[in-house]
Amino acid sequence: MGEIEFKEEYTIIWRNSDKSKSDLGYEETIMKLNEKLERCHPSNVKYVLQEIKDAKMNKGPTIFDTIKEIILDNENVTLILE
């Protein structure tokens, strides 16, 4: 590893991404959202409850999707899912 310079392009190879997608799917997402619900601000409770409801119907982003999106939001990153 090393430091990434500003605007340097790099590639991330996500090995066993199918396993990660399964492990970080809706079941794990629901567990994390329930933890979030316990400590979120009262004004956010209805939004987190809706996220939980959606996840229980296999709708919306999973933790895997969120991580992938964060990585891909960086225009200097190429993500390879293996």
C-alpha atoms as a PDB file:
ATOM      1  CA  MET A   1       0.000   0.000   0.000  1.00  0.00           C
ATOM      2  CA  GLY A   2       0.987   3.585  -0.212  1.00  0.00           C
ATOM      3  CA  GLU A   3      -0.484   7.005  -0.459  1.00  0.00           C
ATOM      4  CA  ILE A   4      -2.595   7.801  -3.472  1.00  0.00           C
ATOM      5  CA  GLU A   5      -1.680  11.068  -5.095  1.00  0.00           C
ATOM      6  CA  PHE A   6      -4.354  13.596  -6.044  1.00  0.00           C
ATOM      7  CA  LYS A   7      -5.987  12.606  -9.360  1.00  0.00           C
ATOM      8  CA  GLU A   8      -3.931   9.408  -9.557  1.00  0.00           C
ATOM      9  CA  GLU A   9      -5.871   6.627 -11.255  1.00  0.00           C
ATOM     10  CA  TYR A  10      -5.996   3.214  -9.653  1.00  0.00           C
ATOM     11  CA  THR A  11      -7.817  -0.095  -9.836  1.00  0.00           C
ATOM     12  CA  ILE A  12      -9.482  -2.025  -7.051  1.00  0.00           C
ATOM     13  CA  ILE A  13      -9.972  -5.725  -7.626  1.00  0.00           C
ATOM     14  CA  TRP A  14     -12.745  -7.015  -5.384  1.00  0.00           C
ATOM     15  CA  ARG A  15     -12.086 -10.734  -5.164  1.00  0.00           C
ATOM     16  CA  ASN A  16     -14.948 -13.088  -4.268  1.00  0.00           C
ATOM     17  CA  SER A  17     -17.400 -10.258  -4.924  1.00  0.00           C
ATOM     18  CA  ASP A  18     -20.286 -12.731  -5.324  1.00  0.00           C
ATOM     19  CA  LYS A  19     -19.705 -13.903  -1.759  1.00  0.00           C
ATOM     20  CA  SER A  20     -19.473 -10.292  -0.584  1.00  0.00           C
ATOM     21  CA  LYS A  21     -22.689  -9.483  -2.407  1.00  0.00           C
ATOM     22  CA  SER A  22     -24.401 -12.361  -0.608  1.00  0.00           C
ATOM     23  CA  ASP A  23     -22.829 -11.619   2.797  1.00  0.00           C
ATOM     24  CA  LEU A  24     -23.627  -7.901   2.517  1.00  0.00           C
ATOM     25  CA  GLY A  25     -27.109  -8.390   1.083  1.00  0.00           C
ATOM     26  CA  TYR A  26     -30.526  -7.589   2.481  1.00  0.00           C
ATOM     27  CA  GLU A  27     -30.228  -9.727   5.614  1.00  0.00           C
ATOM     28  CA  GLU A  28     -27.098  -7.877   6.763  1.00  0.00           C
ATOM     29  CA  THR A  29     -28.548  -4.559   5.598  1.00  0.00           C
ATOM     30  CA  ILE A  30     -31.637  -5.069   7.764  1.00  0.00           C
ATOM     31  CA  MET A  31     -29.471  -5.879  10.809  1.00  0.00           C
ATOM     32  CA  LYS A  32     -27.388  -2.718  10.289  1.00  0.00           C
ATOM     33  CA  LEU A  33     -30.488  -0.589   9.731  1.00  0.00           C
ATOM     34  CA  ASN A  34     -31.971  -1.905  12.995  1.00  0.00           C
ATOM     35  CA  GLU A  35     -28.753  -0.836  14.758  1.00  0.00           C
ATOM     36  CA  LYS A  36     -28.999   2.559  13.056  1.00  0.00           C
ATOM     37  CA  LEU A  37     -32.613   2.862  14.219  1.00  0.00           C
ATOM     38  CA  GLU A  38     -31.549   2.432  17.857  1.00  0.00           C
ATOM     39  CA  ARG A  39     -29.217   5.423  17.763  1.00  0.00           C
ATOM     40  CA  CYS A  40     -30.641   7.722  15.110  1.00  0.00           C
ATOM     41  CA  HIS A  41     -32.111  11.119  15.859  1.00  0.00           C
ATOM     42  CA  PRO A  42     -35.877  10.961  16.499  1.00  0.00           C
ATOM     43  CA  SER A  43     -36.505  13.044  13.397  1.00  0.00           C
ATOM     44  CA  ASN A  44     -34.937  10.288  11.277  1.00  0.00           C
ATOM     45  CA  VAL A  45     -36.855   7.338  12.727  1.00  0.00           C
ATOM     46  CA  LYS A  46     -39.541   7.302  10.028  1.00  0.00           C
ATOM     47  CA  TYR A  47     -36.900   7.324   7.269  1.00  0.00           C
ATOM     48  CA  VAL A  48     -34.939   4.467   8.798  1.00  0.00           C
ATOM     49  CA  LEU A  49     -38.154   2.493   9.343  1.00  0.00           C
ATOM     50  CA  GLN A  50     -38.956   2.960   5.650  1.00  0.00           C
ATOM     51  CA  GLU A  51     -35.463   1.759   4.708  1.00  0.00           C
ATOM     52  CA  ILE A  52     -36.010  -1.344   6.873  1.00  0.00           C
ATOM     53  CA  LYS A  53     -39.421  -1.957   5.301  1.00  0.00           C
ATOM     54  CA  ASP A  54     -37.940  -1.633   1.805  1.00  0.00           C
ATOM     55  CA  ALA A  55     -35.009  -3.923   2.624  1.00  0.00           C
ATOM     56  CA  LYS A  56     -37.422  -6.565   3.940  1.00  0.00           C
ATOM     57  CA  MET A  57     -39.050  -6.477   0.483  1.00  0.00           C
ATOM     58  CA  ASN A  58     -35.606  -6.724  -1.201  1.00  0.00           C
ATOM     59  CA  LYS A  59     -35.853  -3.130  -2.385  1.00  0.00           C
ATOM     60  CA  GLY A  60     -33.301  -0.374  -2.160  1.00  0.00           C
ATOM     61  CA  PRO A  61     -29.555  -0.540  -1.797  1.00  0.00           C
ATOM     62  CA  THR A  62     -27.792  -3.206   0.210  1.00  0.00           C
ATOM     63  CA  ILE A  63     -24.565  -2.629   2.102  1.00  0.00           C
ATOM     64  CA  PHE A  64     -22.761  -4.163  -0.874  1.00  0.00           C
ATOM     65  CA  ASP A  65     -24.442  -1.682  -3.227  1.00  0.00           C
ATOM     66  CA  THR A  66     -23.524   1.237  -0.970  1.00  0.00           C
ATOM     67  CA  ILE A  67     -19.867   0.243  -0.734  1.00  0.00           C
ATOM     68  CA  LYS A  68     -19.703  -0.259  -4.496  1.00  0.00           C
ATOM     69  CA  GLU A  69     -21.301   3.156  -5.080  1.00  0.00           C
ATOM     70  CA  ILE A  70     -18.830   4.865  -2.739  1.00  0.00           C
ATOM     71  CA  ILE A  71     -15.936   3.319  -4.637  1.00  0.00           C
ATOM     72  CA  LEU A  72     -17.376   4.192  -8.052  1.00  0.00           C
ATOM     73  CA  ASP A  73     -18.121   7.782  -7.005  1.00  0.00           C
ATOM     74  CA  ASN A  74     -14.384   8.391  -7.325  1.00  0.00           C
ATOM     75  CA  GLU A  75     -13.769   9.056 -11.010  1.00  0.00           C
ATOM     76  CA  ASN A  76     -10.148   7.938 -10.667  1.00  0.00           C
ATOM     77  CA  VAL A  77     -11.070   4.413  -9.597  1.00  0.00           C
ATOM     78  CA  THR A  78     -11.694   1.396 -11.754  1.00  0.00           C
ATOM     79  CA  LEU A  79     -13.498  -1.356  -9.864  1.00  0.00           C
ATOM     80  CA  ILE A  80     -13.187  -4.923 -11.044  1.00  0.00           C
ATOM     81  CA  LEU A  81     -15.553  -7.427  -9.459  1.00  0.00           C
ATOM     82  CA  GLU A  82     -14.203 -10.961  -9.511  1.00  0.00           C
END
